Amino acid sequence: MGHTFGPSNFEHTNTIFQHSAKFHRMRRTKQPANASSSRGVFITATDTGVGKTVVTAALAIALRKQGQEVGVMKPIETGLKSPAGSGSDAARLRTAAGSRDLLTEIRPYAFRRPLAPLDAARLENRRVTMPRIMRTFRKLQLQHEILLVEGIGGLLTPIMRKHDVPDLIYRMKLPTIVVGRVSLGGINHAMLTIGALHRRNIPVLALVLNRSLPRRTATVQGQEQSTIRLLRHLAVVPVIGPLPYRAALERNFQSEAAKLAGTATITKLMRLVLARMIREGSSRKRADAKRDGHSEARGLAPPSVAVPVPLRRQGQAPKRRAPVPNSMSKG
């Protein structure tokens, strides 16, 4: 039996969300350089042009409205006429997140041809490297409470000779959000994508269905309803949406993304993300407490704990210790 994600499934997330939403702001603490990459999420998709950027932007706006300090990253972007152009995905994400990070940090690699990164880089005699992406990722992660990373193309898009998008997600140790089409063909694409992620042991927070084309006929509406119903029955992850079609998205990206940020779909998605962050924060605290307990059991003080030394007031004579009785003495 598949997993159906209805209102009752959000009961637990709603409870957690209300605690964070009394919306007390998550306190940002400086993470050590080798910290686990848990305070973030990777947004991938079943195909290119499905809606990764608008979902990422809307999620960033929604999180900001709840007091979260959000960072964004688009490791690789292709098909750019001008790397500094305001219409690029990276620039749109930067604006949506209210980020002051440099565009070259948000997007380490930019290529002109609208091709998969492996070929786009080859045709410019360049090479994408994992270390450069990961250095930038860790830097951004240390600077933000939550980092949203948008992928490129569909899940299995090749980015290097021996690496595709899942390899990047795995190294970042992030859970994923999958954006998929609600139109005909969406079931097959979504199930293949989710299956590929599970085979790589990459957790999936949700499948977000997006309506990228207007519903012009009753036949199309019927196909959409069938896609939604079957995916909610078959998918083993929460299925939310679909997001409504926005005809003015390309002309007015930021205002349209802001409208989508207020929809029930993005609100549910935000709750899932915040719930995940809270759970992982609790797990880290338990792990720290367990580690400190082991240290104490070995006779070691927990890390970063100062042992107070009693001070003697000026002019005060030192206290004389009482003699310790000797059980071996006679009389």
C-alpha atoms as a PDB file:
ATOM      1  CA  MET A   1       0.000   0.000   0.000  1.00  0.00           C
ATOM      2  CA  GLY A   2       1.377   3.420  -0.906  1.00  0.00           C
ATOM      3  CA  HIS A   3       1.538   6.490   1.270  1.00  0.00           C
ATOM      4  CA  THR A   4      -1.339   8.980   1.196  1.00  0.00           C
ATOM      5  CA  PHE A   5      -0.456  12.423   2.440  1.00  0.00           C
ATOM      6  CA  GLY A   6      -3.602  14.140   3.634  1.00  0.00           C
ATOM      7  CA  PRO A   7      -4.272  16.821   6.291  1.00  0.00           C
ATOM      8  CA  SER A   8      -3.846  14.355   9.164  1.00  0.00           C
ATOM      9  CA  ASN A   9      -0.265  13.699   8.127  1.00  0.00           C
ATOM     10  CA  PHE A  10       0.593  17.285   8.961  1.00  0.00           C
ATOM     11  CA  GLU A  11      -0.667  16.986  12.551  1.00  0.00           C
ATOM     12  CA  HIS A  12       2.803  16.293  13.923  1.00  0.00           C
ATOM     13  CA  THR A  13       4.441  18.887  11.696  1.00  0.00           C
ATOM     14  CA  ASN A  14       1.850  21.492  12.682  1.00  0.00           C
ATOM     15  CA  THR A  15       2.662  20.983  16.351  1.00  0.00           C
ATOM     16  CA  ILE A  16       6.384  21.398  15.778  1.00  0.00           C
ATOM     17  CA  PHE A  17       5.809  24.308  13.418  1.00  0.00           C
ATOM     18  CA  GLN A  18       3.750  26.199  16.011  1.00  0.00           C
ATOM     19  CA  HIS A  19       6.611  25.912  18.511  1.00  0.00           C
ATOM     20  CA  SER A  20       9.058  27.371  16.021  1.00  0.00           C
ATOM     21  CA  ALA A  21       6.424  29.736  14.925  1.00  0.00           C
ATOM     22  CA  LYS A  22       5.435  31.098  17.855  1.00  0.00           C
ATOM     23  CA  PHE A  23       7.746  31.593  15.436  1.00  0.00           C
ATOM     24  CA  HIS A  24      10.642  32.088  17.776  1.00  0.00           C
ATOM     25  CA  ARG A  25      13.580  32.576  15.524  1.00  0.00           C
ATOM     26  CA  MET A  26      16.027  29.693  15.369  1.00  0.00           C
ATOM     27  CA  ARG A  27      19.195  30.926  16.984  1.00  0.00           C
ATOM     28  CA  ARG A  28      22.156  30.826  14.656  1.00  0.00           C
ATOM     29  CA  THR A  29      25.298  29.420  16.155  1.00  0.00           C
ATOM     30  CA  LYS A  30      28.607  29.300  14.405  1.00  0.00           C
ATOM     31  CA  GLN A  31      29.169  25.780  13.197  1.00  0.00           C
ATOM     32  CA  PRO A  32      32.553  24.056  13.296  1.00  0.00           C
ATOM     33  CA  ALA A  33      34.183  23.557   9.919  1.00  0.00           C
ATOM     34  CA  ASN A  34      33.395  19.841   9.955  1.00  0.00           C
ATOM     35  CA  ALA A  35      29.764  20.223  11.046  1.00  0.00           C
ATOM     36  CA  SER A  36      27.177  17.961   9.466  1.00  0.00           C
ATOM     37  CA  SER A  37      25.340  19.584   6.578  1.00  0.00           C
ATOM     38  CA  SER A  38      21.891  19.334   8.094  1.00  0.00           C
ATOM     39  CA  ARG A  39      20.473  22.856   8.274  1.00  0.00           C
ATOM     40  CA  GLY A  40      19.445  23.033   4.669  1.00  0.00           C
ATOM     41  CA  VAL A  41      17.669  21.315   1.824  1.00  0.00           C
ATOM     42  CA  PHE A  42      18.433  20.494  -1.811  1.00  0.00           C
ATOM     43  CA  ILE A  43      15.732  21.214  -4.396  1.00  0.00           C
ATOM     44  CA  THR A  44      15.885  18.901  -7.413  1.00  0.00           C
ATOM     45  CA  ALA A  45      13.369  17.991 -10.104  1.00  0.00           C
ATOM     46  CA  THR A  46      12.038  15.292 -12.367  1.00  0.00           C
ATOM     47  CA  ASP A  47      13.055  17.278 -15.453  1.00  0.00           C
ATOM     48  CA  THR A  48      14.364  20.642 -16.571  1.00  0.00           C
ATOM     49  CA  GLY A  49      11.956  23.578 -16.683  1.00  0.00           C
ATOM     50  CA  VAL A  50       9.608  22.009 -14.117  1.00  0.00           C
ATOM     51  CA  GLY A  51       9.777  24.832 -11.580  1.00  0.00           C
ATOM     52  CA  LYS A  52      12.759  24.326  -9.271  1.00  0.00           C
ATOM     53  CA  THR A  53      13.669  28.011  -9.207  1.00  0.00           C
ATOM     54  CA  VAL A  54      10.196  29.351  -8.420  1.00  0.00           C
ATOM     55  CA  VAL A  55       9.651  26.720  -5.709  1.00  0.00           C
ATOM     56  CA  THR A  56      13.050  27.560  -4.165  1.00  0.00           C
ATOM     57  CA  ALA A  57      12.350  31.300  -4.352  1.00  0.00           C
ATOM     58  CA  ALA A  58       8.852  30.967  -2.880  1.00  0.00           C
ATOM     59  CA  LEU A  59      10.178  28.763  -0.065  1.00  0.00           C
ATOM     60  CA  ALA A  60      12.928  31.301   0.699  1.00  0.00           C
ATOM     61  CA  ILE A  61      10.348  34.112   0.883  1.00  0.00           C
ATOM     62  CA  ALA A  62       8.062  32.060   3.147  1.00  0.00           C
ATOM     63  CA  LEU A  63      10.925  31.192   5.509  1.00  0.00           C
ATOM     64  CA  ARG A  64      12.022  34.825   5.685  1.00  0.00           C
ATOM     65  CA  LYS A  65       8.496  35.863   6.649  1.00  0.00           C
ATOM     66  CA  GLN A  66       8.768  33.534   9.630  1.00  0.00           C
ATOM     67  CA  GLY A  67      11.985  35.182  10.789  1.00  0.00           C
ATOM     68  CA  GLN A  68      14.461  32.702   9.345  1.00  0.00           C
ATOM     69  CA  GLU A  69      17.752  33.924   7.892  1.00  0.00           C
ATOM     70  CA  VAL A  70      17.977  32.125   4.552  1.00  0.00           C
ATOM     71  CA  GLY A  71      20.885  31.526   2.222  1.00  0.00           C
ATOM     72  CA  VAL A  72      20.614  30.236  -1.340  1.00  0.00           C
ATOM     73  CA  MET A  73      22.933  28.450  -3.722  1.00  0.00           C
ATOM     74  CA  LYS A  74      22.785  27.398  -7.368  1.00  0.00           C
ATOM     75  CA  PRO A  75      26.081  25.515  -7.800  1.00  0.00           C
ATOM     76  CA  ILE A  76      25.919  25.367 -11.600  1.00  0.00           C
ATOM     77  CA  GLU A  77      23.856  27.320 -14.122  1.00  0.00           C
ATOM     78  CA  THR A  78      23.933  27.005 -17.908  1.00  0.00           C
ATOM     79  CA  GLY A  79      22.330  28.911 -20.779  1.00  0.00           C
ATOM     80  CA  LEU A  80      23.406  32.360 -19.578  1.00  0.00           C
ATOM     81  CA  LYS A  81      23.726  35.230 -22.008  1.00  0.00           C
ATOM     82  CA  SER A  82      25.351  37.303 -19.283  1.00  0.00           C
ATOM     83  CA  PRO A  83      26.616  35.760 -16.005  1.00  0.00           C
ATOM     84  CA  ALA A  84      25.729  38.983 -14.164  1.00  0.00           C
ATOM     85  CA  GLY A  85      22.240  39.175 -15.684  1.00  0.00           C
ATOM     86  CA  SER A  86      19.333  39.861 -13.320  1.00  0.00           C
ATOM     87  CA  GLY A  87      17.203  37.250 -15.055  1.00  0.00           C
ATOM     88  CA  SER A  88      19.429  34.313 -14.145  1.00  0.00           C
ATOM     89  CA  ASP A  89      18.189  31.689 -11.686  1.00  0.00           C
ATOM     90  CA  ALA A  90      20.949  32.551  -9.220  1.00  0.00           C
ATOM     91  CA  ALA A  91      20.148  36.273  -9.322  1.00  0.00           C
ATOM     92  CA  ARG A  92      16.447  35.583  -8.810  1.00  0.00           C
ATOM     93  CA  LEU A  93      17.181  33.372  -5.809  1.00  0.00           C
ATOM     94  CA  ARG A  94      19.522  35.997  -4.358  1.00  0.00           C
ATOM     95  CA  THR A  95      16.775  38.619  -4.524  1.00  0.00           C
ATOM     96  CA  ALA A  96      14.104  36.297  -3.116  1.00  0.00           C
ATOM     97  CA  ALA A  97      16.305  35.406  -0.130  1.00  0.00           C
ATOM     98  CA  GLY A  98      17.366  39.020   0.470  1.00  0.00           C
ATOM     99  CA  SER A  99      20.929  37.739   0.303  1.00  0.00           C
ATOM    100  CA  ARG A 100      24.052  39.879   0.312  1.00  0.00           C
ATOM    101  CA  ASP A 101      26.274  37.004  -0.753  1.00  0.00           C
ATOM    102  CA  LEU A 102      28.256  37.513  -3.928  1.00  0.00           C
ATOM    103  CA  LEU A 103      26.692  36.037  -7.052  1.00  0.00           C
ATOM    104  CA  THR A 104      29.944  34.168  -7.680  1.00  0.00           C
ATOM    105  CA  GLU A 105      29.484  32.445  -4.308  1.00  0.00           C
ATOM    106  CA  ILE A 106      25.830  31.637  -4.836  1.00  0.00           C
ATOM    107  CA  ARG A 107      26.714  30.273  -8.284  1.00  0.00           C
ATOM    108  CA  PRO A 108      30.331  29.069  -8.547  1.00  0.00           C
ATOM    109  CA  TYR A 109      29.909  27.913 -12.168  1.00  0.00           C
ATOM    110  CA  ALA A 110      28.152  29.751 -15.000  1.00  0.00           C
ATOM    111  CA  PHE A 111      28.144  28.639 -18.662  1.00  0.00           C
ATOM    112  CA  ARG A 112      26.708  30.222 -21.776  1.00  0.00           C
ATOM    113  CA  ARG A 113      25.352  27.243 -23.685  1.00  0.00           C
ATOM    114  CA  PRO A 114      22.008  25.746 -22.559  1.00  0.00           C
ATOM    115  CA  LEU A 115      23.396  22.238 -22.141  1.00  0.00           C
ATOM    116  CA  ALA A 116      24.084  19.758 -19.381  1.00  0.00           C
ATOM    117  CA  PRO A 117      27.058  21.039 -17.321  1.00  0.00           C
ATOM    118  CA  LEU A 118      29.363  18.281 -18.527  1.00  0.00           C
ATOM    119  CA  ASP A 119      29.065  19.399 -22.152  1.00  0.00           C
ATOM    120  CA  ALA A 120      28.638  23.119 -21.433  1.00  0.00           C
ATOM    121  CA  ALA A 121      31.953  23.124 -19.576  1.00  0.00           C
ATOM    122  CA  ARG A 122      33.717  21.031 -22.218  1.00  0.00           C
ATOM    123  CA  LEU A 123      32.746  23.445 -25.001  1.00  0.00           C
ATOM    124  CA  GLU A 124      34.255  26.327 -23.022  1.00  0.00           C
ATOM    125  CA  ASN A 125      37.424  24.328 -22.219  1.00  0.00           C
ATOM    126  CA  ARG A 126      36.541  24.418 -18.554  1.00  0.00           C
ATOM    127  CA  ARG A 127      35.957  21.806 -15.904  1.00  0.00           C
ATOM    128  CA  VAL A 128      33.543  21.594 -12.969  1.00  0.00           C
ATOM    129  CA  THR A 129      35.190  20.283  -9.796  1.00  0.00           C
ATOM    130  CA  MET A 130      33.541  18.951  -6.655  1.00  0.00           C
ATOM    131  CA  PRO A 131      36.035  20.543  -4.204  1.00  0.00           C
ATOM    132  CA  ARG A 132      35.273  24.065  -5.448  1.00  0.00           C
ATOM    133  CA  ILE A 133      31.520  23.531  -5.108  1.00  0.00           C
ATOM    134  CA  MET A 134      31.869  22.023  -1.643  1.00  0.00           C
ATOM    135  CA  ARG A 135      34.145  24.825  -0.377  1.00  0.00           C
ATOM    136  CA  THR A 136      31.560  27.392  -1.432  1.00  0.00           C
ATOM    137  CA  PHE A 137      28.724  25.311  -0.003  1.00  0.00           C
ATOM    138  CA  ARG A 138      30.379  25.034   3.417  1.00  0.00           C
ATOM    139  CA  LYS A 139      31.132  28.745   3.487  1.00  0.00           C
ATOM    140  CA  LEU A 140      27.525  29.650   2.722  1.00  0.00           C
ATOM    141  CA  GLN A 141      26.217  27.113   5.198  1.00  0.00           C
ATOM    142  CA  LEU A 142      28.222  28.636   8.030  1.00  0.00           C
ATOM    143  CA  GLN A 143      26.783  32.062   7.226  1.00  0.00           C
ATOM    144  CA  HIS A 144      23.073  31.179   7.222  1.00  0.00           C
ATOM    145  CA  GLU A 145      20.490  29.509   9.437  1.00  0.00           C
ATOM    146  CA  ILE A 146      18.994  27.577   6.531  1.00  0.00           C
ATOM    147  CA  LEU A 147      20.601  27.053   3.127  1.00  0.00           C
ATOM    148  CA  LEU A 148      18.453  26.241   0.091  1.00  0.00           C
ATOM    149  CA  VAL A 149      20.433  24.634  -2.735  1.00  0.00           C
ATOM    150  CA  GLU A 150      18.845  24.415  -6.175  1.00  0.00           C
ATOM    151  CA  GLY A 151      20.100  21.751  -8.545  1.00  0.00           C
ATOM    152  CA  ILE A 152      20.357  21.868 -12.322  1.00  0.00           C
ATOM    153  CA  GLY A 153      18.094  20.098 -14.786  1.00  0.00           C
ATOM    154  CA  GLY A 154      16.634  16.762 -13.797  1.00  0.00           C
ATOM    155  CA  LEU A 155      18.055  14.520 -11.086  1.00  0.00           C
ATOM    156  CA  LEU A 156      20.410  12.445 -13.250  1.00  0.00           C
ATOM    157  CA  THR A 157      21.898  15.360 -15.168  1.00  0.00           C
ATOM    158  CA  PRO A 158      25.677  14.780 -15.567  1.00  0.00           C
ATOM    159  CA  ILE A 159      27.716  17.571 -14.010  1.00  0.00           C
ATOM    160  CA  MET A 160      31.196  16.011 -14.255  1.00  0.00           C
ATOM    161  CA  ARG A 161      32.713  13.083 -16.072  1.00  0.00           C
ATOM    162  CA  LYS A 162      32.048  10.708 -13.187  1.00  0.00           C
ATOM    163  CA  HIS A 163      29.448  12.605 -11.177  1.00  0.00           C
ATOM    164  CA  ASP A 164      25.788  13.526 -11.521  1.00  0.00           C
ATOM    165  CA  VAL A 165      23.420  15.569  -9.337  1.00  0.00           C
ATOM    166  CA  PRO A 166      22.807  12.797  -6.729  1.00  0.00           C
ATOM    167  CA  ASP A 167      26.567  12.598  -6.106  1.00  0.00           C
ATOM    168  CA  LEU A 168      26.499  16.293  -5.218  1.00  0.00           C
ATOM    169  CA  ILE A 169      23.471  15.901  -2.923  1.00  0.00           C
ATOM    170  CA  TYR A 170      25.079  12.951  -1.174  1.00  0.00           C
ATOM    171  CA  ARG A 171      28.265  14.892  -0.461  1.00  0.00           C
ATOM    172  CA  MET A 172      26.272  17.840   0.884  1.00  0.00           C
ATOM    173  CA  LYS A 173      24.355  15.458   3.185  1.00  0.00           C
ATOM    174  CA  LEU A 174      21.096  17.310   2.568  1.00  0.00           C
ATOM    175  CA  PRO A 175      17.527  16.036   2.395  1.00  0.00           C
ATOM    176  CA  THR A 176      15.782  16.735  -0.898  1.00  0.00           C
ATOM    177  CA  ILE A 177      12.614  18.285  -2.222  1.00  0.00           C
ATOM    178  CA  VAL A 178      11.568  16.955  -5.625  1.00  0.00           C
ATOM    179  CA  VAL A 179       9.634  19.262  -7.955  1.00  0.00           C
ATOM    180  CA  GLY A 180       7.529  17.433 -10.523  1.00  0.00           C
ATOM    181  CA  ARG A 181       5.000  18.044 -13.258  1.00  0.00           C
ATOM    182  CA  VAL A 182       1.315  17.619 -12.539  1.00  0.00           C
ATOM    183  CA  SER A 183       0.614  17.037 -16.235  1.00  0.00           C
ATOM    184  CA  LEU A 184       0.503  13.773 -18.171  1.00  0.00           C
ATOM    185  CA  GLY A 185       3.748  11.826 -17.723  1.00  0.00           C
ATOM    186  CA  GLY A 186       4.304  13.244 -14.248  1.00  0.00           C
ATOM    187  CA  ILE A 187       3.726   9.905 -12.514  1.00  0.00           C
ATOM    188  CA  ASN A 188       6.490   8.058 -14.342  1.00  0.00           C
ATOM    189  CA  HIS A 189       9.004  10.897 -13.965  1.00  0.00           C
ATOM    190  CA  ALA A 190       8.260  11.360 -10.257  1.00  0.00           C
ATOM    191  CA  MET A 191       8.466   7.661  -9.391  1.00  0.00           C
ATOM    192  CA  LEU A 192      11.756   7.231 -11.282  1.00  0.00           C
ATOM    193  CA  THR A 193      13.266  10.272  -9.566  1.00  0.00           C
ATOM    194  CA  ILE A 194      12.183   9.270  -6.054  1.00  0.00           C
ATOM    195  CA  GLY A 195      13.391   5.708  -6.670  1.00  0.00           C
ATOM    196  CA  ALA A 196      16.799   6.938  -7.791  1.00  0.00           C
ATOM    197  CA  LEU A 197      17.158   9.072  -4.648  1.00  0.00           C
ATOM    198  CA  HIS A 198      16.182   6.209  -2.371  1.00  0.00           C
ATOM    199  CA  ARG A 199      18.714   3.904  -4.025  1.00  0.00           C
ATOM    200  CA  ARG A 200      21.403   6.442  -3.135  1.00  0.00           C
ATOM    201  CA  ASN A 201      20.110   6.633   0.467  1.00  0.00           C
ATOM    202  CA  ILE A 202      19.130  10.290   0.037  1.00  0.00           C
ATOM    203  CA  PRO A 203      16.078  11.292   2.116  1.00  0.00           C
ATOM    204  CA  VAL A 204      13.155  12.968   0.331  1.00  0.00           C
ATOM    205  CA  LEU A 205      11.137  15.516   2.314  1.00  0.00           C
ATOM    206  CA  ALA A 206       8.367  15.907  -0.255  1.00  0.00           C
ATOM    207  CA  LEU A 207       7.279  15.784  -3.864  1.00  0.00           C
ATOM    208  CA  VAL A 208       5.950  19.201  -4.889  1.00  0.00           C
ATOM    209  CA  LEU A 209       3.705  19.168  -7.928  1.00  0.00           C
ATOM    210  CA  ASN A 210       3.778  22.273 -10.104  1.00  0.00           C
ATOM    211  CA  ARG A 211       1.441  23.400 -12.850  1.00  0.00           C
ATOM    212  CA  SER A 212       3.763  24.843 -15.485  1.00  0.00           C
ATOM    213  CA  LEU A 213       1.077  25.133 -18.200  1.00  0.00           C
ATOM    214  CA  PRO A 214      -2.495  26.434 -18.098  1.00  0.00           C
ATOM    215  CA  ARG A 215      -5.353  23.918 -17.912  1.00  0.00           C
ATOM    216  CA  ARG A 216      -7.090  24.633 -21.215  1.00  0.00           C
ATOM    217  CA  THR A 217      -9.358  21.618 -21.599  1.00  0.00           C
ATOM    218  CA  ALA A 218     -11.407  19.223 -19.490  1.00  0.00           C
ATOM    219  CA  THR A 219      -9.136  16.420 -20.682  1.00  0.00           C
ATOM    220  CA  VAL A 220      -6.070  18.146 -19.244  1.00  0.00           C
ATOM    221  CA  GLN A 221      -7.889  18.745 -15.962  1.00  0.00           C
ATOM    222  CA  GLY A 222      -8.784  15.063 -15.777  1.00  0.00           C
ATOM    223  CA  GLN A 223      -5.180  14.070 -16.453  1.00  0.00           C
ATOM    224  CA  GLU A 224      -3.968  16.341 -13.647  1.00  0.00           C
ATOM    225  CA  GLN A 225      -6.476  14.942 -11.164  1.00  0.00           C
ATOM    226  CA  SER A 226      -5.411  11.421 -12.069  1.00  0.00           C
ATOM    227  CA  THR A 227      -1.712  12.289 -11.637  1.00  0.00           C
ATOM    228  CA  ILE A 228      -2.316  13.795  -8.191  1.00  0.00           C
ATOM    229  CA  ARG A 229      -4.510  10.941  -6.989  1.00  0.00           C
ATOM    230  CA  LEU A 230      -2.192   8.169  -8.132  1.00  0.00           C
ATOM    231  CA  LEU A 231       0.986   9.810  -6.854  1.00  0.00           C
ATOM    232  CA  ARG A 232      -0.569  10.301  -3.424  1.00  0.00           C
ATOM    233  CA  HIS A 233      -1.380   6.613  -3.439  1.00  0.00           C
ATOM    234  CA  LEU A 234       1.871   5.282  -4.921  1.00  0.00           C
ATOM    235  CA  ALA A 235       4.637   7.590  -3.750  1.00  0.00           C
ATOM    236  CA  VAL A 236       6.376   6.761  -0.485  1.00  0.00           C
ATOM    237  CA  VAL A 237       6.923  10.458   0.321  1.00  0.00           C
ATOM    238  CA  PRO A 238       4.563  13.356   1.106  1.00  0.00           C
ATOM    239  CA  VAL A 239       2.931  14.673  -2.080  1.00  0.00           C
ATOM    240  CA  ILE A 240       1.812  18.308  -1.948  1.00  0.00           C
ATOM    241  CA  GLY A 241       0.391  20.725  -4.478  1.00  0.00           C
ATOM    242  CA  PRO A 242      -0.128  21.439  -7.249  1.00  0.00           C
ATOM    243  CA  LEU A 243       1.033  25.017  -7.308  1.00  0.00           C
ATOM    244  CA  PRO A 244      -1.183  27.200  -9.481  1.00  0.00           C
ATOM    245  CA  TYR A 245      -0.058  28.268 -12.941  1.00  0.00           C
ATOM    246  CA  ARG A 246       1.299  31.837 -13.003  1.00  0.00           C
ATOM    247  CA  ALA A 247       1.101  33.354 -16.485  1.00  0.00           C
ATOM    248  CA  ALA A 248       3.147  36.426 -15.494  1.00  0.00           C
ATOM    249  CA  LEU A 249       5.966  34.488 -13.847  1.00  0.00           C
ATOM    250  CA  GLU A 250       8.664  35.323 -16.402  1.00  0.00           C
ATOM    251  CA  ARG A 251       7.722  39.003 -16.554  1.00  0.00           C
ATOM    252  CA  ASN A 252       7.331  39.570 -12.809  1.00  0.00           C
ATOM    253  CA  PHE A 253       9.220  36.754 -11.165  1.00  0.00           C
ATOM    254  CA  GLN A 254       9.621  38.209  -7.672  1.00  0.00           C
ATOM    255  CA  SER A 255       6.018  39.361  -7.243  1.00  0.00           C
ATOM    256  CA  GLU A 256       4.674  36.050  -8.561  1.00  0.00           C
ATOM    257  CA  ALA A 257       7.035  34.070  -6.319  1.00  0.00           C
ATOM    258  CA  ALA A 258       5.842  36.159  -3.361  1.00  0.00           C
ATOM    259  CA  LYS A 259       2.232  35.245  -4.174  1.00  0.00           C
ATOM    260  CA  LEU A 260       3.132  31.564  -4.343  1.00  0.00           C
ATOM    261  CA  ALA A 261       4.907  31.881  -0.975  1.00  0.00           C
ATOM    262  CA  GLY A 262       1.499  32.449   0.609  1.00  0.00           C
ATOM    263  CA  THR A 263      -0.164  29.381  -0.894  1.00  0.00           C
ATOM    264  CA  ALA A 264      -1.086  26.316   1.131  1.00  0.00           C
ATOM    265  CA  THR A 265       1.430  24.254  -0.840  1.00  0.00           C
ATOM    266  CA  ILE A 266       4.455  26.386   0.077  1.00  0.00           C
ATOM    267  CA  THR A 267       3.216  26.750   3.656  1.00  0.00           C
ATOM    268  CA  LYS A 268       3.084  22.962   4.016  1.00  0.00           C
ATOM    269  CA  LEU A 269       6.516  22.680   2.429  1.00  0.00           C
ATOM    270  CA  MET A 270       7.928  25.251   4.835  1.00  0.00           C
ATOM    271  CA  ARG A 271       6.467  23.322   7.784  1.00  0.00           C
ATOM    272  CA  LEU A 272       8.165  20.150   6.610  1.00  0.00           C
ATOM    273  CA  VAL A 273      11.507  21.936   6.270  1.00  0.00           C
ATOM    274  CA  LEU A 274      11.294  23.582   9.706  1.00  0.00           C
ATOM    275  CA  ALA A 275      10.174  20.325  11.329  1.00  0.00           C
ATOM    276  CA  ARG A 276      13.177  18.564   9.798  1.00  0.00           C
ATOM    277  CA  MET A 277      15.541  21.261  11.068  1.00  0.00           C
ATOM    278  CA  ILE A 278      14.086  21.040  14.592  1.00  0.00           C
ATOM    279  CA  ARG A 279      14.309  17.240  14.668  1.00  0.00           C
ATOM    280  CA  GLU A 280      17.921  17.288  13.515  1.00  0.00           C
ATOM    281  CA  GLY A 281      18.763  19.993  16.041  1.00  0.00           C
ATOM    282  CA  SER A 282      17.313  17.803  18.814  1.00  0.00           C
ATOM    283  CA  SER A 283      19.288  14.813  17.544  1.00  0.00           C
ATOM    284  CA  ARG A 284      22.510  16.828  17.649  1.00  0.00           C
ATOM    285  CA  LYS A 285      21.783  17.931  21.213  1.00  0.00           C
ATOM    286  CA  ARG A 286      21.188  14.330  22.298  1.00  0.00           C
ATOM    287  CA  ALA A 287      24.412  13.254  20.590  1.00  0.00           C
ATOM    288  CA  ASP A 288      26.328  16.071  22.317  1.00  0.00           C
ATOM    289  CA  ALA A 289      24.836  15.149  25.686  1.00  0.00           C
ATOM    290  CA  LYS A 290      25.741  11.499  25.152  1.00  0.00           C
ATOM    291  CA  ARG A 291      29.298  12.434  24.198  1.00  0.00           C
ATOM    292  CA  ASP A 292      29.631  14.680  27.255  1.00  0.00           C
ATOM    293  CA  GLY A 293      28.286  11.891  29.454  1.00  0.00           C
ATOM    294  CA  HIS A 294      30.924   9.528  28.146  1.00  0.00           C
ATOM    295  CA  SER A 295      33.585  12.133  28.877  1.00  0.00           C
ATOM    296  CA  GLU A 296      32.403  12.478  32.478  1.00  0.00           C
ATOM    297  CA  ALA A 297      32.343   8.693  32.909  1.00  0.00           C
ATOM    298  CA  ARG A 298      36.034   8.622  31.929  1.00  0.00           C
ATOM    299  CA  GLY A 299      36.789  11.314  34.522  1.00  0.00           C
ATOM    300  CA  LEU A 300      37.106  14.061  31.910  1.00  0.00           C
ATOM    301  CA  ALA A 301      35.365  17.405  32.063  1.00  0.00           C
ATOM    302  CA  PRO A 302      32.925  18.004  29.178  1.00  0.00           C
ATOM    303  CA  PRO A 303      34.403  20.179  26.439  1.00  0.00           C
ATOM    304  CA  SER A 304      34.212  23.948  26.922  1.00  0.00           C
ATOM    305  CA  VAL A 305      33.186  23.577  30.593  1.00  0.00           C
ATOM    306  CA  ALA A 306      35.223  25.652  33.024  1.00  0.00           C
ATOM    307  CA  VAL A 307      35.689  24.192  36.532  1.00  0.00           C
ATOM    308  CA  PRO A 308      35.169  27.004  39.097  1.00  0.00           C
ATOM    309  CA  VAL A 309      37.945  27.546  41.664  1.00  0.00           C
ATOM    310  CA  PRO A 310      36.810  29.094  45.018  1.00  0.00           C
ATOM    311  CA  LEU A 311      38.537  32.402  45.720  1.00  0.00           C
ATOM    312  CA  ARG A 312      39.677  33.574  49.150  1.00  0.00           C
ATOM    313  CA  ARG A 313      38.822  37.099  50.229  1.00  0.00           C
ATOM    314  CA  GLN A 314      41.663  39.481  50.913  1.00  0.00           C
ATOM    315  CA  GLY A 315      42.909  39.129  54.485  1.00  0.00           C
ATOM    316  CA  GLN A 316      40.960  35.937  55.044  1.00  0.00           C
ATOM    317  CA  ALA A 317      42.962  33.125  56.605  1.00  0.00           C
ATOM    318  CA  PRO A 318      42.867  29.834  54.767  1.00  0.00           C
ATOM    319  CA  LYS A 319      40.477  27.311  56.234  1.00  0.00           C
ATOM    320  CA  ARG A 320      42.143  24.547  58.168  1.00  0.00           C
ATOM    321  CA  ARG A 321      41.195  21.118  57.049  1.00  0.00           C
ATOM    322  CA  ALA A 322      39.748  18.795  59.662  1.00  0.00           C
ATOM    323  CA  PRO A 323      42.007  15.822  60.384  1.00  0.00           C
ATOM    324  CA  VAL A 324      41.078  12.684  58.569  1.00  0.00           C
ATOM    325  CA  PRO A 325      40.490   9.820  61.029  1.00  0.00           C
ATOM    326  CA  ASN A 326      42.831   6.888  60.599  1.00  0.00           C
ATOM    327  CA  SER A 327      40.974   3.643  60.956  1.00  0.00           C
ATOM    328  CA  MET A 328      44.278   1.842  61.613  1.00  0.00           C
ATOM    329  CA  SER A 329      45.299   3.949  64.619  1.00  0.00           C
ATOM    330  CA  LYS A 330      44.923   2.546  68.142  1.00  0.00           C
ATOM    331  CA  GLY A 331      43.076   4.092  71.106  1.00  0.00           C
END
